[in-house]
PDB file of N, CA and C in Angstrom:
ATOM      1  N   MET A   1       3.358   1.535   5.112  1.00  0.00           N
ATOM      2  CA  MET A   1       3.923   2.557   5.986  1.00  0.00           C
ATOM      3  C   MET A   1       2.838   3.492   6.513  1.00  0.00           C
ATOM      4  N   GLY A   2       1.744   3.700   5.771  1.00  0.00           N
ATOM      5  CA  GLY A   2       0.674   4.567   6.222  1.00  0.00           C
ATOM      6  C   GLY A   2       0.039   4.086   7.498  1.00  0.00           C
ATOM      7  N   ASP A   3      -0.107   2.773   7.637  1.00  0.00           N
ATOM      8  CA  ASP A   3      -0.726   2.235   8.848  1.00  0.00           C
ATOM      9  C   ASP A   3       0.094   2.572  10.088  1.00  0.00           C
ATOM     10  N   GLU A   4       1.414   2.580   9.952  1.00  0.00           N
ATOM     11  CA  GLU A   4       2.287   2.926  11.082  1.00  0.00           C
ATOM     12  C   GLU A   4       2.112   4.391  11.473  1.00  0.00           C
ATOM     13  N   THR A   5       2.026   5.265  10.488  1.00  0.00           N
ATOM     14  CA  THR A   5       1.856   6.693  10.754  1.00  0.00           C
ATOM     15  C   THR A   5       0.522   6.961  11.436  1.00  0.00           C
ATOM     16  N   VAL A   6      -0.535   6.330  10.945  1.00  0.00           N
ATOM     17  CA  VAL A   6      -1.857   6.517  11.550  1.00  0.00           C
ATOM     18  C   VAL A   6      -1.872   5.976  12.978  1.00  0.00           C
ATOM     19  N   ALA A   7      -1.209   4.857  13.223  1.00  0.00           N
ATOM     20  CA  ALA A   7      -1.144   4.293  14.573  1.00  0.00           C
ATOM     21  C   ALA A   7      -0.392   5.219  15.523  1.00  0.00           C
ATOM     22  N   CYS A   8       0.643   5.878  15.034  1.00  0.00           N
ATOM     23  CA  CYS A   8       1.375   6.845  15.859  1.00  0.00           C
ATOM     24  C   CYS A   8       0.505   8.069  16.158  1.00  0.00           C
ATOM     25  N   LEU A   9      -0.274   8.516  15.172  1.00  0.00           N
ATOM     26  CA  LEU A   9      -1.213   9.614  15.411  1.00  0.00           C
ATOM     27  C   LEU A   9      -2.269   9.200  16.433  1.00  0.00           C
ATOM     28  N   GLY A  10      -2.709   7.946  16.363  1.00  0.00           N
ATOM     29  CA  GLY A  10      -3.677   7.441  17.320  1.00  0.00           C
ATOM     30  C   GLY A  10      -3.141   7.486  18.741  1.00  0.00           C
ATOM     31  N   ARG A  11      -1.874   7.141  18.885  1.00  0.00           N
ATOM     32  CA  ARG A  11      -1.234   7.209  20.201  1.00  0.00           C
ATOM     33  C   ARG A  11      -1.244   8.640  20.719  1.00  0.00           C
ATOM     34  N   ASP A  12      -0.822   9.575  19.873  1.00  0.00           N
ATOM     35  CA  ASP A  12      -0.766  10.974  20.290  1.00  0.00           C
ATOM     36  C   ASP A  12      -2.153  11.529  20.582  1.00  0.00           C
ATOM     37  N   ALA A  13      -3.150  11.133  19.787  1.00  0.00           N
ATOM     38  CA  ALA A  13      -4.523  11.602  20.025  1.00  0.00           C
ATOM     39  C   ALA A  13      -5.023  11.123  21.385  1.00  0.00           C
ATOM     40  N   GLY A  14      -4.628   9.927  21.777  1.00  0.00           N
ATOM     41  CA  GLY A  14      -5.007   9.416  23.091  1.00  0.00           C
ATOM     42  C   GLY A  14      -4.296  10.133  24.222  1.00  0.00           C
ATOM     43  N   LEU A  15      -3.051  10.509  24.000  1.00  0.00           N
ATOM     44  CA  LEU A  15      -2.278  11.213  25.023  1.00  0.00           C
ATOM     45  C   LEU A  15      -2.698  12.666  25.182  1.00  0.00           C
ATOM     46  N   TYR A  16      -3.134  13.284  24.078  1.00  0.00           N
ATOM     47  CA  TYR A  16      -3.438  14.716  24.070  1.00  0.00           C
ATOM     48  C   TYR A  16      -4.822  14.967  23.459  1.00  0.00           C
ATOM     49  N   PRO A  17      -5.878  14.480  24.101  1.00  0.00           N
ATOM     50  CA  PRO A  17      -7.212  14.590  23.504  1.00  0.00           C
ATOM     51  C   PRO A  17      -7.730  16.028  23.371  1.00  0.00           C
ATOM     52  N   GLU A  18      -7.174  16.953  24.109  1.00  0.00           N
ATOM     53  CA  GLU A  18      -7.633  18.349  24.052  1.00  0.00           C
ATOM     54  C   GLU A  18      -6.809  19.209  23.093  1.00  0.00           C
ATOM     55  N   ASP A  19      -5.856  18.632  22.398  1.00  0.00           N
ATOM     56  CA  ASP A  19      -4.981  19.389  21.502  1.00  0.00           C
ATOM     57  C   ASP A  19      -5.721  19.705  20.201  1.00  0.00           C
ATOM     58  N   ALA A  20      -6.084  20.971  20.027  1.00  0.00           N
ATOM     59  CA  ALA A  20      -6.853  21.393  18.851  1.00  0.00           C
ATOM     60  C   ALA A  20      -6.070  21.217  17.556  1.00  0.00           C
ATOM     61  N   ARG A  21      -4.767  21.466  17.579  1.00  0.00           N
ATOM     62  CA  ARG A  21      -3.960  21.318  16.361  1.00  0.00           C
ATOM     63  C   ARG A  21      -3.882  19.854  15.940  1.00  0.00           C
ATOM     64  N   LEU A  22      -3.756  18.959  16.903  1.00  0.00           N
ATOM     65  CA  LEU A  22      -3.713  17.538  16.595  1.00  0.00           C
ATOM     66  C   LEU A  22      -5.070  17.080  16.060  1.00  0.00           C
ATOM     67  N   SER A  23      -6.148  17.562  16.653  1.00  0.00           N
ATOM     68  CA  SER A  23      -7.483  17.226  16.161  1.00  0.00           C
ATOM     69  C   SER A  23      -7.671  17.688  14.724  1.00  0.00           C
ATOM     70  N   ALA A  24      -7.187  18.877  14.402  1.00  0.00           N
ATOM     71  CA  ALA A  24      -7.285  19.390  13.033  1.00  0.00           C
ATOM     72  C   ALA A  24      -6.428  18.555  12.085  1.00  0.00           C
ATOM     73  N   LEU A  25      -5.252  18.145  12.552  1.00  0.00           N
ATOM     74  CA  LEU A  25      -4.366  17.329  11.729  1.00  0.00           C
ATOM     75  C   LEU A  25      -5.026  16.003  11.372  1.00  0.00           C
ATOM     76  N   VAL A  26      -5.725  15.407  12.309  1.00  0.00           N
ATOM     77  CA  VAL A  26      -6.416  14.142  12.076  1.00  0.00           C
ATOM     78  C   VAL A  26      -7.713  14.371  11.300  1.00  0.00           C
ATOM     79  N   GLY A  27      -8.382  15.481  11.576  1.00  0.00           N
ATOM     80  CA  GLY A  27      -9.690  15.740  10.979  1.00  0.00           C
ATOM     81  C   GLY A  27      -9.684  15.868   9.473  1.00  0.00           C
ATOM     82  N   GLU A  28      -8.689  16.524   8.917  1.00  0.00           N
ATOM     83  CA  GLU A  28      -8.671  16.728   7.467  1.00  0.00           C
ATOM     84  C   GLU A  28      -8.584  15.417   6.690  1.00  0.00           C
ATOM     85  N   PRO A  29      -7.644  14.526   7.004  1.00  0.00           N
ATOM     86  CA  PRO A  29      -7.617  13.270   6.242  1.00  0.00           C
ATOM     87  C   PRO A  29      -8.826  12.369   6.540  1.00  0.00           C
ATOM     88  N   LEU A  30      -9.451  12.537   7.704  1.00  0.00           N
ATOM     89  CA  LEU A  30     -10.675  11.771   7.960  1.00  0.00           C
ATOM     90  C   LEU A  30     -11.767  12.152   6.969  1.00  0.00           C
ATOM     91  N   VAL A  31     -11.794  13.413   6.583  1.00  0.00           N
ATOM     92  CA  VAL A  31     -12.788  13.894   5.626  1.00  0.00           C
ATOM     93  C   VAL A  31     -12.386  13.535   4.194  1.00  0.00           C
ATOM     94  N   ARG A  32     -11.115  13.601   3.880  1.00  0.00           N
ATOM     95  CA  ARG A  32     -10.666  13.502   2.487  1.00  0.00           C
ATOM     96  C   ARG A  32     -10.157  12.134   2.033  1.00  0.00           C
ATOM     97  N   SER A  33      -9.827  11.241   2.960  1.00  0.00           N
ATOM     98  CA  SER A  33      -9.148  10.011   2.558  1.00  0.00           C
ATOM     99  C   SER A  33      -9.866   8.763   3.073  1.00  0.00           C
ATOM    100  N   GLU A  34     -10.344   7.961   2.152  1.00  0.00           N
ATOM    101  CA  GLU A  34     -10.968   6.691   2.520  1.00  0.00           C
ATOM    102  C   GLU A  34      -9.968   5.776   3.222  1.00  0.00           C
ATOM    103  N   GLU A  35      -8.731   5.738   2.714  1.00  0.00           N
ATOM    104  CA  GLU A  35      -7.703   4.892   3.336  1.00  0.00           C
ATOM    105  C   GLU A  35      -7.434   5.321   4.772  1.00  0.00           C
ATOM    106  N   PHE A  36      -7.320   6.634   5.004  1.00  0.00           N
ATOM    107  CA  PHE A  36      -7.085   7.123   6.361  1.00  0.00           C
ATOM    108  C   PHE A  36      -8.250   6.748   7.267  1.00  0.00           C
ATOM    109  N   ARG A  37      -9.498   6.934   6.797  1.00  0.00           N
ATOM    110  CA  ARG A  37     -10.667   6.575   7.603  1.00  0.00           C
ATOM    111  C   ARG A  37     -10.643   5.095   7.979  1.00  0.00           C
ATOM    112  N   ARG A  38     -10.270   4.250   7.024  1.00  0.00           N
ATOM    113  CA  ARG A  38     -10.205   2.809   7.284  1.00  0.00           C
ATOM    114  C   ARG A  38      -9.140   2.504   8.340  1.00  0.00           C
ATOM    115  N   LEU A  39      -7.956   3.085   8.179  1.00  0.00           N
ATOM    116  CA  LEU A  39      -6.872   2.849   9.136  1.00  0.00           C
ATOM    117  C   LEU A  39      -7.209   3.414  10.511  1.00  0.00           C
ATOM    118  N   TRP A  40      -7.819   4.593  10.552  1.00  0.00           N
ATOM    119  CA  TRP A  40      -8.176   5.221  11.821  1.00  0.00           C
ATOM    120  C   TRP A  40      -9.219   4.378  12.552  1.00  0.00           C
ATOM    121  N   ALA A  41     -10.151   3.806  11.799  1.00  0.00           N
ATOM    122  CA  ALA A  41     -11.211   2.979  12.391  1.00  0.00           C
ATOM    123  C   ALA A  41     -10.665   1.678  12.985  1.00  0.00           C
ATOM    124  N   ASP A  42      -9.477   1.260  12.570  1.00  0.00           N
ATOM    125  CA  ASP A  42      -8.850   0.059  13.139  1.00  0.00           C
ATOM    126  C   ASP A  42      -8.389   0.272  14.581  1.00  0.00           C
ATOM    127  N   HIS A  43      -8.265   1.530  15.009  1.00  0.00           N
ATOM    128  CA  HIS A  43      -7.875   1.897  16.373  1.00  0.00           C
ATOM    129  C   HIS A  43      -6.527   1.296  16.784  1.00  0.00           C
ATOM    130  N   GLN A  44      -5.604   1.239  15.852  1.00  0.00           N
ATOM    131  CA  GLN A  44      -4.248   0.783  16.192  1.00  0.00           C
ATOM    132  C   GLN A  44      -3.504   1.932  16.860  1.00  0.00           C
ATOM    133  N   VAL A  45      -2.766   1.630  17.913  1.00  0.00           N
ATOM    134  CA  VAL A  45      -1.985   2.632  18.636  1.00  0.00           C
ATOM    135  C   VAL A  45      -0.562   2.095  18.750  1.00  0.00           C
ATOM    136  N   ARG A  46       0.391   2.911  18.354  1.00  0.00           N
ATOM    137  CA  ARG A  46       1.777   2.446  18.333  1.00  0.00           C
ATOM    138  C   ARG A  46       2.724   3.617  18.582  1.00  0.00           C
ATOM    139  N   GLU A  47       3.840   3.313  19.184  1.00  0.00           N
ATOM    140  CA  GLU A  47       4.906   4.299  19.353  1.00  0.00           C
ATOM    141  C   GLU A  47       6.023   3.957  18.376  1.00  0.00           C
ATOM    142  N   LYS A  48       6.477   4.941  17.638  1.00  0.00           N
ATOM    143  CA  LYS A  48       7.551   4.718  16.668  1.00  0.00           C
ATOM    144  C   LYS A  48       8.883   4.801  17.399  1.00  0.00           C
ATOM    145  N   THR A  49       9.609   3.693  17.432  1.00  0.00           N
ATOM    146  CA  THR A  49      10.888   3.671  18.136  1.00  0.00           C
ATOM    147  C   THR A  49      12.079   3.466  17.213  1.00  0.00           C
ATOM    148  N   HIS A  50      11.846   2.869  16.046  1.00  0.00           N
ATOM    149  CA  HIS A  50      12.948   2.646  15.106  1.00  0.00           C
ATOM    150  C   HIS A  50      12.374   2.389  13.710  1.00  0.00           C
ATOM    151  N   GLY A  51      13.243   2.451  12.741  1.00  0.00           N
ATOM    152  CA  GLY A  51      12.816   2.189  11.380  1.00  0.00           C
ATOM    153  C   GLY A  51      13.869   2.612  10.385  1.00  0.00           C
ATOM    154  N   VAL A  52      13.435   2.754   9.156  1.00  0.00           N
ATOM    155  CA  VAL A  52      14.308   3.168   8.061  1.00  0.00           C
ATOM    156  C   VAL A  52      13.665   4.366   7.385  1.00  0.00           C
ATOM    157  N   LYS A  53      14.454   5.364   7.077  1.00  0.00           N
ATOM    158  CA  LYS A  53      13.981   6.565   6.393  1.00  0.00           C
ATOM    159  C   LYS A  53      14.667   6.630   5.045  1.00  0.00           C
ATOM    160  N   LEU A  54      13.882   6.681   3.978  1.00  0.00           N
ATOM    161  CA  LEU A  54      14.414   6.803   2.623  1.00  0.00           C
ATOM    162  C   LEU A  54      14.413   8.274   2.246  1.00  0.00           C
ATOM    163  N   ILE A  55      15.563   8.781   1.881  1.00  0.00           N
ATOM    164  CA  ILE A  55      15.718  10.184   1.500  1.00  0.00           C
ATOM    165  C   ILE A  55      15.946  10.259  -0.008  1.00  0.00           C
ATOM    166  N   HIS A  56      15.220  11.140  -0.677  1.00  0.00           N
ATOM    167  CA  HIS A  56      15.441  11.382  -2.108  1.00  0.00           C
ATOM    168  C   HIS A  56      16.360  12.595  -2.235  1.00  0.00           C
ATOM    169  N   HIS A  57      17.598  12.363  -2.653  1.00  0.00           N
ATOM    170  CA  HIS A  57      18.577  13.445  -2.760  1.00  0.00           C
ATOM    171  C   HIS A  57      19.092  13.513  -4.194  1.00  0.00           C
ATOM    172  N   PRO A  58      19.103  14.709  -4.798  1.00  0.00           N
ATOM    173  CA  PRO A  58      19.482  14.819  -6.210  1.00  0.00           C
ATOM    174  C   PRO A  58      20.939  14.458  -6.510  1.00  0.00           C
ATOM    175  N   LEU A  59      21.826  14.546  -5.531  1.00  0.00           N
ATOM    176  CA  LEU A  59      23.239  14.265  -5.786  1.00  0.00           C
ATOM    177  C   LEU A  59      23.662  12.850  -5.394  1.00  0.00           C
ATOM    178  N   VAL A  60      23.086  12.313  -4.331  1.00  0.00           N
ATOM    179  CA  VAL A  60      23.546  11.007  -3.839  1.00  0.00           C
ATOM    180  C   VAL A  60      22.541   9.883  -4.060  1.00  0.00           C
ATOM    181  N   GLY A  61      21.395  10.204  -4.625  1.00  0.00           N
ATOM    182  CA  GLY A  61      20.411   9.158  -4.906  1.00  0.00           C
ATOM    183  C   GLY A  61      19.428   8.975  -3.774  1.00  0.00           C
ATOM    184  N   GLU A  62      19.190   7.716  -3.409  1.00  0.00           N
ATOM    185  CA  GLU A  62      18.183   7.394  -2.401  1.00  0.00           C
ATOM    186  C   GLU A  62      18.741   6.476  -1.308  1.00  0.00           C
ATOM    187  N   PRO A  63      19.597   7.009  -0.447  1.00  0.00           N
ATOM    188  CA  PRO A  63      20.124   6.164   0.629  1.00  0.00           C
ATOM    189  C   PRO A  63      19.055   5.896   1.684  1.00  0.00           C
ATOM    190  N   ASP A  64      19.107   4.729   2.286  1.00  0.00           N
ATOM    191  CA  ASP A  64      18.250   4.377   3.410  1.00  0.00           C
ATOM    192  C   ASP A  64      18.981   4.713   4.702  1.00  0.00           C
ATOM    193  N   PHE A  65      18.391   5.532   5.534  1.00  0.00           N
ATOM    194  CA  PHE A  65      18.984   5.883   6.814  1.00  0.00           C
ATOM    195  C   PHE A  65      18.297   5.101   7.923  1.00  0.00           C
ATOM    196  N   GLY A  66      19.088   4.555   8.836  1.00  0.00           N
ATOM    197  CA  GLY A  66      18.516   3.959  10.032  1.00  0.00           C
ATOM    198  C   GLY A  66      17.997   5.072  10.924  1.00  0.00           C
ATOM    199  N   CYS A  67      16.926   4.805  11.644  1.00  0.00           N
ATOM    200  CA  CYS A  67      16.298   5.824  12.475  1.00  0.00           C
ATOM    201  C   CYS A  67      15.940   5.223  13.830  1.00  0.00           C
ATOM    202  N   GLU A  68      16.390   5.862  14.889  1.00  0.00           N
ATOM    203  CA  GLU A  68      16.064   5.444  16.257  1.00  0.00           C
ATOM    204  C   GLU A  68      15.432   6.629  16.979  1.00  0.00           C
ATOM    205  N   THR A  69      14.321   6.403  17.655  1.00  0.00           N
ATOM    206  CA  THR A  69      13.652   7.439  18.430  1.00  0.00           C
ATOM    207  C   THR A  69      13.806   7.114  19.907  1.00  0.00           C
ATOM    208  N   LEU A  70      14.345   8.057  20.657  1.00  0.00           N
ATOM    209  CA  LEU A  70      14.627   7.854  22.073  1.00  0.00           C
ATOM    210  C   LEU A  70      13.834   8.852  22.905  1.00  0.00           C
ATOM    211  N   SER A  71      13.272   8.395  24.010  1.00  0.00           N
ATOM    212  CA  SER A  71      12.583   9.310  24.913  1.00  0.00           C
ATOM    213  C   SER A  71      13.615  10.019  25.780  1.00  0.00           C
ATOM    214  N   VAL A  72      13.239  11.194  26.247  1.00  0.00           N
ATOM    215  CA  VAL A  72      14.114  11.996  27.093  1.00  0.00           C
ATOM    216  C   VAL A  72      13.568  11.938  28.511  1.00  0.00           C
ATOM    217  N   ASN A  73      14.335  11.365  29.433  1.00  0.00           N
ATOM    218  CA  ASN A  73      13.893  11.262  30.831  1.00  0.00           C
ATOM    219  C   ASN A  73      13.595  12.642  31.392  1.00  0.00           C
ATOM    220  N   GLY A  74      12.486  12.761  32.076  1.00  0.00           N
ATOM    221  CA  GLY A  74      12.110  14.026  32.690  1.00  0.00           C
ATOM    222  C   GLY A  74      11.410  14.982  31.741  1.00  0.00           C
ATOM    223  N   ALA A  75      11.308  14.616  30.468  1.00  0.00           N
ATOM    224  CA  ALA A  75      10.645  15.472  29.486  1.00  0.00           C
ATOM    225  C   ALA A  75       9.811  14.594  28.552  1.00  0.00           C
ATOM    226  N   PRO A  76       8.652  14.138  29.034  1.00  0.00           N
ATOM    227  CA  PRO A  76       7.883  13.158  28.263  1.00  0.00           C
ATOM    228  C   PRO A  76       7.406  13.637  26.898  1.00  0.00           C
ATOM    229  N   ASP A  77       7.330  14.934  26.680  1.00  0.00           N
ATOM    230  CA  ASP A  77       6.900  15.447  25.385  1.00  0.00           C
ATOM    231  C   ASP A  77       8.056  15.697  24.422  1.00  0.00           C
ATOM    232  N   HIS A  78       9.260  15.294  24.812  1.00  0.00           N
ATOM    233  CA  HIS A  78      10.431  15.495  23.962  1.00  0.00           C
ATOM    234  C   HIS A  78      10.992  14.143  23.529  1.00  0.00           C
ATOM    235  N   LEU A  79      11.408  14.089  22.283  1.00  0.00           N
ATOM    236  CA  LEU A  79      12.039  12.891  21.739  1.00  0.00           C
ATOM    237  C   LEU A  79      13.338  13.281  21.057  1.00  0.00           C
ATOM    238  N   LEU A  80      14.285  12.387  21.074  1.00  0.00           N
ATOM    239  CA  LEU A  80      15.527  12.561  20.331  1.00  0.00           C
ATOM    240  C   LEU A  80      15.500  11.533  19.197  1.00  0.00           C
ATOM    241  N   VAL A  81      15.601  12.011  17.973  1.00  0.00           N
ATOM    242  CA  VAL A  81      15.583  11.127  16.815  1.00  0.00           C
ATOM    243  C   VAL A  81      16.983  11.137  16.206  1.00  0.00           C
ATOM    244  N   ALA A  82      17.585   9.953  16.113  1.00  0.00           N
ATOM    245  CA  ALA A  82      18.942   9.814  15.575  1.00  0.00           C
ATOM    246  C   ALA A  82      18.883   9.047  14.266  1.00  0.00           C
ATOM    247  N   PHE A  83      19.509   9.593  13.238  1.00  0.00           N
ATOM    248  CA  PHE A  83      19.609   8.930  11.939  1.00  0.00           C
ATOM    249  C   PHE A  83      21.033   8.451  11.739  1.00  0.00           C
ATOM    250  N   THR A  84      21.195   7.257  11.207  1.00  0.00           N
ATOM    251  CA  THR A  84      22.530   6.747  10.896  1.00  0.00           C
ATOM    252  C   THR A  84      22.614   6.514   9.398  1.00  0.00           C
ATOM    253  N   ALA A  85      23.697   7.002   8.810  1.00  0.00           N
ATOM    254  CA  ALA A  85      23.878   6.901   7.368  1.00  0.00           C
ATOM    255  C   ALA A  85      24.505   5.548   7.014  1.00  0.00           C
ATOM    256  N   PRO A  86      24.146   5.032   5.864  1.00  0.00           N
ATOM    257  CA  PRO A  86      24.774   3.780   5.425  1.00  0.00           C
ATOM    258  C   PRO A  86      26.243   4.014   5.061  1.00  0.00           C
ATOM    259  N   ALA A  87      27.043   2.982   5.160  1.00  0.00           N
ATOM    260  CA  ALA A  87      28.462   3.091   4.797  1.00  0.00           C
ATOM    261  C   ALA A  87      28.597   3.504   3.335  1.00  0.00           C
ATOM    262  N   GLY A  88      29.584   4.353   3.077  1.00  0.00           N
ATOM    263  CA  GLY A  88      29.858   4.759   1.699  1.00  0.00           C
ATOM    264  C   GLY A  88      29.114   5.984   1.318  1.00  0.00           C
TER     265      GLY A  88
END
């Protein structure tokens, strides 16, 4: 799952190269994490459009939620993320 997250950060870094906060977000793990440096050096770029989110909840356990990410027409910097709960 880490490779997917790093690839999504790579996409955003390419879209917003002048964003100081994004540069700082990427910079810290580049200094502290060998795994992050390795993944970042792969130069994978990806947009997250769907997946599964595992939630740790003290009362209901660990349900897997479906996750869909939708772009908003006319607002390229906005996304709508919809989670669907499993039956039961």
